[in-house]
Amino acid sequence: MTQSQATRVTFTKNFGFRKELNKRVDAYFKTENIATRDNPAMYIKTLMIFGWVISAWTFTLFGPPQMWIKAIGCVFLGFGIAAIGFSVGHDANHGGYSSKKWVNNVLGLTYDVIGVSSYLWRYRHNFLHHTFTNILGHDVEIHGDGLVRMTPYMEHKWYHSFQHIFILFIYTVIPIYWSIADIHTMVFKRKYHSHAIPTPKPLDMIILFGGKLIWLALFLAIPIAIGYTPIQTILGFLITYMTYGVLICLVFMLAHVLETAEFIQPNSEPEQIDDEWAIFQIRTTVDFAPKNHFLNWYLGGLNYQVVHHLFPHICHIHYPKIAPILAELCEEFGVKYNVYPTLTEALTSNFRWLKRMGTELNQKYPDVALAEK
């Protein structure tokens, strides 16, 4: 089954919003005489992040022998791995790093090295999540395998009442779960919901298993080979990847699972959304902390998630300049552009929404739950 055959949701309206937005953004790049990709600032940032990860890995393995120092090194390594995911691998797998396909392909493999299949991620994230954002049954990333209830259209289970309490623990194990699920999905399951995964080529399978072997070698085999005990190695691995897991999961949640983000469910057959796709993206996505310079750098522009969803093929270093253009057009079209001014406000909204989704009321009356927003 091809991607087009699997697509069962259509967007029925065209207000000209996306056309005008593209026109204004194109004019910005032309006026400023800058490229949308292949930017020196991104090259420098990539070298800084790679240097960070390599240094943290080397320091943790070969630095001072005190275990508490090594534990801190693992935390810093986890932050660095998350930075690869936020910035380098994310842009590359979207085709937003370089205009050269081979550059994007090579840097996209950083996902495989840190434990996530770049092949599956491009289908699950680029296609399903970016096309059907927050639509249950299509956007795999809000399904949570039923363990976490993010949308009022998901069936309520008794344990969802406690999800705002145990959610941080879930985040810590997600990267390890993904790494195992990648193999099961690629080899056996071969689909996400009703969407069949495009048949992988032999090279894709080699990259899948080769990436897993390199990942395990870097974080388990090499430490044991140079003298660390299996228990020490596993503890270091867990500290690193639990840190990484909390960071990447929180950032996703702060973009789509908040009180101001909408969860829209088609109610017709064939399934249709009564809106323009670009406006639908703005309704289901949220920006946060746009004036926080550290987060703008560290999160790879993912705090400008609305901009990213509309321009995934543009390098994230340009998002702060595109956001005002988007905001101006939203005002002209009467479209609400949701932005949380600070990280704290976004975190608070996310936990409030998760707690709210833990109540059975929202399961019985989803339309009321959305209207209350």
Protein backbone atom coordinates (compact mmCIF):
# COMPACT_ATOMS: atom_id res chain seq x y z
CA MET A 1 0.00 0.00 0.00
CA THR A 2 1.35 3.41 -0.90
CA GLN A 3 1.12 6.53 1.24
CA SER A 4 -1.58 8.00 -1.01
CA GLN A 5 -3.67 4.83 -0.77
CA ALA A 6 -3.37 4.82 3.00
CA THR A 7 -4.49 8.43 3.34
CA ARG A 8 -8.16 8.54 4.32
CA VAL A 9 -8.46 12.10 5.62
CA THR A 10 -8.99 15.07 3.32
CA PHE A 11 -9.14 18.80 4.02
CA THR A 12 -12.12 20.40 2.32
CA LYS A 13 -11.43 24.12 2.49
CA ASN A 14 -8.96 26.43 0.78
CA PHE A 15 -9.00 30.00 2.05
CA GLY A 16 -5.72 30.93 0.39
CA PHE A 17 -3.95 31.10 3.76
CA ARG A 18 -1.14 28.74 2.90
CA LYS A 19 -0.57 30.31 -0.50
CA GLU A 20 -0.25 33.79 1.00
CA LEU A 21 1.97 32.54 3.82
CA ASN A 22 4.34 30.84 1.41
CA LYS A 23 4.43 34.00 -0.70
CA ARG A 24 5.43 36.17 2.27
CA VAL A 25 8.01 33.74 3.60
CA ASP A 26 9.56 33.35 0.15
CA ALA A 27 9.72 37.14 -0.09
CA TYR A 28 11.54 37.31 3.24
CA PHE A 29 14.29 34.93 2.11
CA LYS A 30 14.59 36.72 -1.23
CA THR A 31 14.77 40.17 0.38
CA GLU A 32 17.35 39.04 2.93
CA ASN A 33 19.26 37.10 0.25
CA ILE A 34 19.65 34.03 2.47
CA ALA A 35 19.15 30.33 1.78
CA THR A 36 16.49 28.29 3.52
CA ARG A 37 19.02 25.46 4.05
CA ASP A 38 22.79 24.88 3.98
CA ASN A 39 23.41 27.65 6.48
CA PRO A 40 26.84 28.21 8.11
CA ALA A 41 25.19 28.79 11.49
CA MET A 42 23.70 25.29 11.29
CA TYR A 43 27.05 23.76 10.35
CA ILE A 44 28.67 25.39 13.39
CA LYS A 45 25.83 24.28 15.62
CA THR A 46 26.18 20.70 14.35
CA LEU A 47 29.89 20.65 15.17
CA MET A 48 29.15 22.01 18.64
CA ILE A 49 26.55 19.31 19.33
CA PHE A 50 28.73 16.51 17.98
CA GLY A 51 31.61 17.83 20.06
CA TRP A 52 29.34 17.91 23.10
CA VAL A 53 28.24 14.27 22.67
CA ILE A 54 31.69 12.90 21.86
CA SER A 55 33.26 14.80 24.78
CA ALA A 56 30.56 13.68 27.23
CA TRP A 57 30.85 10.05 26.11
CA THR A 58 34.65 10.12 26.34
CA PHE A 59 34.70 11.93 29.69
CA THR A 60 32.18 9.53 31.20
CA LEU A 61 34.10 6.44 30.11
CA PHE A 62 37.69 7.60 30.61
CA GLY A 63 37.44 10.53 33.03
CA PRO A 64 37.70 10.60 36.84
CA PRO A 65 36.87 7.22 38.42
CA GLN A 66 34.32 8.50 40.96
CA MET A 67 30.93 7.05 40.08
CA TRP A 68 29.03 10.19 41.04
CA ILE A 69 31.06 12.14 38.48
CA LYS A 70 30.34 9.52 35.87
CA ALA A 71 26.63 9.72 36.70
CA ILE A 72 26.73 13.47 36.04
CA GLY A 73 28.56 12.73 32.80
CA CYS A 74 25.73 10.40 31.78
CA VAL A 75 23.19 13.16 32.39
CA PHE A 76 25.19 15.57 30.21
CA LEU A 77 25.46 12.84 27.58
CA GLY A 78 21.68 12.41 27.68
CA PHE A 79 21.22 16.15 27.11
CA GLY A 80 23.64 15.96 24.18
CA ILE A 81 21.87 12.99 22.57
CA ALA A 82 18.59 14.90 22.88
CA ALA A 83 20.27 17.87 21.15
CA ILE A 84 21.14 15.60 18.21
CA GLY A 85 17.52 14.52 18.07
CA PHE A 86 16.13 18.05 18.35
CA SER A 87 18.43 19.74 15.87
CA VAL A 88 20.66 17.68 13.60
CA GLY A 89 18.72 14.47 13.03
CA HIS A 90 15.36 16.20 13.03
CA ASP A 91 16.24 18.76 10.36
CA ALA A 92 18.07 16.17 8.26
CA ASN A 93 15.26 13.61 8.29
CA HIS A 94 12.83 16.34 7.28
CA GLY A 95 15.11 17.37 4.43
CA GLY A 96 15.53 20.75 6.11
CA TYR A 97 19.26 20.58 6.79
CA SER A 98 20.63 20.72 3.26
CA SER A 99 19.46 21.02 -0.33
CA LYS A 100 21.68 18.00 -1.03
CA LYS A 101 19.79 14.77 -0.46
CA TRP A 102 22.90 12.80 0.44
CA VAL A 103 23.78 15.26 3.23
CA ASN A 104 20.30 14.89 4.71
CA ASN A 105 20.50 11.11 4.38
CA VAL A 106 23.88 10.84 6.10
CA LEU A 107 23.02 13.17 8.98
CA GLY A 108 19.61 11.52 9.25
CA LEU A 109 21.42 8.32 10.20
CA THR A 110 22.32 9.93 13.52
CA TYR A 111 18.88 8.75 14.64
CA ASP A 112 19.88 5.15 13.99
CA VAL A 113 23.11 5.61 15.94
CA ILE A 114 21.22 6.92 18.98
CA GLY A 115 18.73 4.05 18.83
CA VAL A 116 15.79 5.22 16.67
CA SER A 117 15.07 3.94 13.16
CA SER A 118 15.31 6.90 10.79
CA TYR A 119 13.32 4.95 8.19
CA LEU A 120 10.33 4.40 10.46
CA TRP A 121 10.62 7.87 11.97
CA ARG A 122 10.32 9.52 8.56
CA TYR A 123 7.09 7.65 7.87
CA ARG A 124 5.61 7.89 11.37
CA HIS A 125 6.59 11.50 11.99
CA ASN A 126 7.03 13.23 8.63
CA PHE A 127 3.99 11.66 7.01
CA LEU A 128 1.50 10.52 9.66
CA HIS A 129 2.14 13.08 12.38
CA HIS A 130 2.71 16.10 10.15
CA THR A 131 -0.25 15.34 7.90
CA PHE A 132 -2.81 14.19 10.46
CA THR A 133 -1.71 16.10 13.54
CA ASN A 134 -3.68 15.16 16.68
CA ILE A 135 -6.14 12.96 14.75
CA LEU A 136 -6.63 9.73 16.67
CA GLY A 137 -6.19 6.66 14.50
CA HIS A 138 -3.80 8.43 12.13
CA ASP A 139 -1.31 10.39 14.21
CA VAL A 140 0.58 7.60 15.97
CA GLU A 141 2.35 10.05 18.24
CA ILE A 142 -0.78 10.94 20.20
CA HIS A 143 -1.93 7.34 20.59
CA GLY A 144 0.56 6.39 23.30
CA ASP A 145 -0.33 2.71 22.77
CA GLY A 146 -3.34 3.37 24.97
CA LEU A 147 -1.20 3.89 28.06
CA VAL A 148 -1.52 7.69 28.03
CA ARG A 149 -4.76 9.42 27.12
CA MET A 150 -3.90 12.63 25.26
CA THR A 151 -7.12 13.18 23.31
CA PRO A 152 -10.74 13.22 24.50
CA TYR A 153 -11.61 10.85 21.67
CA MET A 154 -9.57 8.01 23.17
CA GLU A 155 -11.35 5.46 25.32
CA HIS A 156 -10.89 6.13 29.03
CA LYS A 157 -9.24 3.48 31.20
CA TRP A 158 -9.08 3.50 34.98
CA TYR A 159 -5.31 4.01 35.06
CA HIS A 160 -5.59 7.22 33.03
CA SER A 161 -6.78 8.87 36.25
CA PHE A 162 -3.16 8.66 37.44
CA GLN A 163 -1.38 9.52 34.17
CA HIS A 164 -0.37 13.01 35.27
CA ILE A 165 1.45 11.30 38.15
CA PHE A 166 3.21 8.44 36.34
CA ILE A 167 3.80 10.25 33.03
CA LEU A 168 7.41 11.24 33.81
CA PHE A 169 8.29 7.60 34.46
CA ILE A 170 6.78 6.69 31.09
CA TYR A 171 9.00 9.27 29.41
CA THR A 172 12.13 7.66 30.85
CA VAL A 173 11.53 4.32 29.14
CA ILE A 174 10.23 5.59 25.79
CA PRO A 175 13.59 5.60 23.92
CA ILE A 176 14.33 2.01 24.92
CA TYR A 177 10.78 0.99 24.03
CA TRP A 178 11.11 2.68 20.63
CA SER A 179 14.33 0.83 19.88
CA ILE A 180 12.71 -2.54 20.53
CA ALA A 181 9.43 -1.61 18.84
CA ASP A 182 11.31 -0.48 15.72
CA ILE A 183 12.41 -4.05 15.00
CA HIS A 184 8.98 -5.53 15.71
CA THR A 185 7.28 -2.91 13.55
CA MET A 186 9.66 -3.18 10.61
CA VAL A 187 9.91 -6.99 10.56
CA PHE A 188 6.48 -8.15 11.71
CA LYS A 189 3.80 -5.49 12.17
CA ARG A 190 4.56 -3.42 9.05
CA LYS A 191 1.89 -0.80 9.71
CA TYR A 192 0.74 2.02 12.00
CA HIS A 193 -2.99 1.73 12.58
CA SER A 194 -4.49 1.40 9.06
CA HIS A 195 -1.44 2.89 7.38
CA ALA A 196 0.89 0.32 5.85
CA ILE A 197 4.58 1.17 6.11
CA PRO A 198 6.25 1.40 2.67
CA THR A 199 8.17 -1.79 1.96
CA PRO A 200 11.78 -1.29 3.07
CA LYS A 201 14.62 -2.04 0.69
CA PRO A 202 17.46 -4.38 1.72
CA LEU A 203 19.62 -1.32 2.47
CA ASP A 204 16.93 0.00 4.83
CA MET A 205 17.01 -3.28 6.77
CA ILE A 206 20.80 -3.21 6.91
CA ILE A 207 20.67 0.33 8.30
CA LEU A 208 18.01 -0.70 10.84
CA PHE A 209 20.02 -3.59 12.30
CA GLY A 210 23.41 -1.96 11.72
CA GLY A 211 22.25 1.11 13.61
CA LYS A 212 21.06 -1.00 16.53
CA LEU A 213 24.43 -2.79 16.68
CA ILE A 214 26.40 0.48 16.65
CA TRP A 215 24.08 1.91 19.33
CA LEU A 216 24.52 -1.13 21.59
CA ALA A 217 28.26 -1.15 20.99
CA LEU A 218 28.67 2.51 21.96
CA PHE A 219 26.58 2.35 25.11
CA LEU A 220 26.95 -1.25 26.30
CA ALA A 221 29.65 -3.31 24.58
CA ILE A 222 32.51 -0.80 24.67
CA PRO A 223 32.01 0.15 28.35
CA ILE A 224 32.04 -3.54 29.35
CA ALA A 225 35.04 -4.23 27.10
CA ILE A 226 37.14 -1.53 28.81
CA GLY A 227 36.42 -2.79 32.31
CA TYR A 228 33.07 -1.56 33.58
CA THR A 229 30.87 -4.20 35.18
CA PRO A 230 27.58 -5.09 33.48
CA ILE A 231 25.67 -3.45 36.36
CA GLN A 232 27.69 -0.23 36.10
CA THR A 233 27.21 -0.21 32.33
CA ILE A 234 23.47 -0.75 32.51
CA LEU A 235 23.08 1.94 35.17
CA GLY A 236 25.05 4.43 33.06
CA PHE A 237 22.99 3.54 30.02
CA LEU A 238 19.74 3.98 31.94
CA ILE A 239 20.76 7.36 33.38
CA THR A 240 21.71 8.56 29.90
CA TYR A 241 18.59 7.37 28.14
CA MET A 242 16.17 8.23 30.93
CA THR A 243 17.46 11.81 30.70
CA TYR A 244 17.10 11.77 26.93
CA GLY A 245 13.61 10.28 27.14
CA VAL A 246 12.24 12.89 29.54
CA LEU A 247 13.55 15.71 27.36
CA ILE A 248 12.26 14.53 23.99
CA CYS A 249 8.85 13.47 25.31
CA LEU A 250 8.29 16.73 27.17
CA VAL A 251 9.10 18.79 24.10
CA PHE A 252 6.62 16.83 21.99
CA MET A 253 3.92 17.20 24.64
CA LEU A 254 4.48 20.95 24.85
CA ALA A 255 3.79 21.26 21.14
CA HIS A 256 0.55 19.30 20.81
CA VAL A 257 -0.85 18.14 24.14
CA LEU A 258 -1.96 21.29 25.92
CA GLU A 259 -5.17 23.07 26.78
CA THR A 260 -5.06 25.38 23.76
CA ALA A 261 -4.20 22.70 21.18
CA GLU A 262 -7.23 21.21 19.42
CA PHE A 263 -7.97 17.54 18.87
CA ILE A 264 -10.10 17.29 15.75
CA GLN A 265 -11.76 14.05 14.73
CA PRO A 266 -13.36 13.48 11.30
CA ASN A 267 -17.00 12.42 11.63
CA SER A 268 -17.84 11.44 8.06
CA GLU A 269 -17.00 8.71 5.56
CA PRO A 270 -14.77 9.33 3.70
CA GLU A 271 -13.05 11.13 6.56
CA GLN A 272 -12.86 14.88 6.07
CA ILE A 273 -11.66 17.90 8.03
CA ASP A 274 -13.75 20.98 7.32
CA ASP A 275 -10.78 23.37 7.16
CA GLU A 276 -7.67 24.28 5.21
CA TRP A 277 -4.71 22.04 6.05
CA ALA A 278 -2.43 24.92 7.06
CA ILE A 279 -5.04 26.40 9.41
CA PHE A 280 -5.70 22.93 10.82
CA GLN A 281 -1.98 22.72 11.68
CA ILE A 282 -2.17 26.00 13.57
CA ARG A 283 -5.23 24.83 15.50
CA THR A 284 -3.58 21.57 16.60
CA THR A 285 -0.11 22.90 17.39
CA VAL A 286 1.36 25.36 19.90
CA ASP A 287 4.56 27.43 20.23
CA PHE A 288 6.19 28.15 23.56
CA ALA A 289 8.95 30.28 25.09
CA PRO A 290 9.79 32.14 21.84
CA LYS A 291 11.98 34.70 23.64
CA ASN A 292 14.07 32.13 25.49
CA HIS A 293 17.34 32.23 23.56
CA PHE A 294 18.76 29.09 25.12
CA LEU A 295 15.68 27.03 24.28
CA ASN A 296 15.62 28.48 20.76
CA TRP A 297 19.12 27.09 20.29
CA TYR A 298 18.92 23.86 22.26
CA LEU A 299 15.49 22.68 21.08
CA GLY A 300 16.29 23.08 17.41
CA GLY A 301 13.38 25.45 16.91
CA LEU A 302 10.88 22.89 18.21
CA ASN A 303 9.47 25.48 20.56
CA TYR A 304 8.37 27.11 17.28
CA GLN A 305 6.41 23.97 16.50
CA VAL A 306 3.66 25.76 14.53
CA VAL A 307 6.26 27.25 12.20
CA HIS A 308 7.95 23.87 11.92
CA HIS A 309 4.74 22.11 10.92
CA LEU A 310 4.14 24.64 8.17
CA PHE A 311 7.76 24.76 6.97
CA PRO A 312 9.45 21.44 7.86
CA HIS A 313 11.83 21.74 4.89
CA ILE A 314 13.29 25.03 6.12
CA CYS A 315 16.20 24.92 8.56
CA HIS A 316 15.02 25.65 12.10
CA ILE A 317 17.48 28.50 12.65
CA HIS A 318 15.10 30.68 10.58
CA TYR A 319 11.97 29.99 12.64
CA PRO A 320 12.25 33.04 14.94
CA LYS A 321 12.14 35.27 11.85
CA ILE A 322 9.27 33.39 10.21
CA ALA A 323 7.09 33.43 13.35
CA PRO A 324 6.23 37.18 13.16
CA ILE A 325 5.25 36.76 9.49
CA LEU A 326 2.94 33.91 10.49
CA ALA A 327 1.49 35.86 13.41
CA GLU A 328 0.68 38.84 11.19
CA LEU A 329 -1.09 36.67 8.62
CA CYS A 330 -3.02 34.81 11.33
CA GLU A 331 -4.34 38.14 12.59
CA GLU A 332 -5.43 39.13 9.09
CA PHE A 333 -7.27 35.83 8.57
CA GLY A 334 -8.74 35.70 12.06
CA VAL A 335 -6.83 32.52 12.95
CA LYS A 336 -5.75 32.06 16.56
CA TYR A 337 -1.99 31.44 16.81
CA ASN A 338 -1.40 29.85 20.22
CA VAL A 339 1.85 30.78 21.96
CA TYR A 340 2.80 30.19 25.58
CA PRO A 341 5.24 32.95 26.57
CA THR A 342 7.29 30.76 28.93
CA LEU A 343 8.33 27.16 29.38
CA THR A 344 6.69 27.08 32.81
CA GLU A 345 3.31 28.12 31.42
CA ALA A 346 3.49 25.44 28.74
CA LEU A 347 4.47 22.74 31.25
CA THR A 348 1.64 23.73 33.56
CA SER A 349 -0.88 23.61 30.72
CA ASN A 350 0.36 20.20 29.61
CA PHE A 351 0.01 18.65 33.07
CA ARG A 352 -3.41 20.22 33.54
CA TRP A 353 -4.57 18.73 30.25
CA LEU A 354 -3.19 15.28 31.09
CA LYS A 355 -4.97 15.39 34.44
CA ARG A 356 -8.15 16.47 32.72
CA MET A 357 -7.90 13.63 30.21
CA GLY A 358 -7.69 11.26 33.15
CA THR A 359 -11.31 12.02 34.03
CA GLU A 360 -14.08 9.87 32.58
CA LEU A 361 -16.25 12.90 31.81
CA ASN A 362 -14.16 13.77 28.77
CA GLN A 363 -14.51 10.27 27.38
CA LYS A 364 -18.30 10.35 27.55
CA TYR A 365 -18.68 13.88 26.23
CA PRO A 366 -15.67 14.65 24.01
CA ASP A 367 -17.38 17.49 22.16
CA VAL A 368 -18.22 19.16 25.48
CA ALA A 369 -14.62 18.76 26.57
CA LEU A 370 -13.39 20.54 23.47
CA ALA A 371 -15.99 23.27 23.74
CA GLU A 372 -14.94 23.95 27.32
CA LYS A 373 -11.49 24.85 26.07
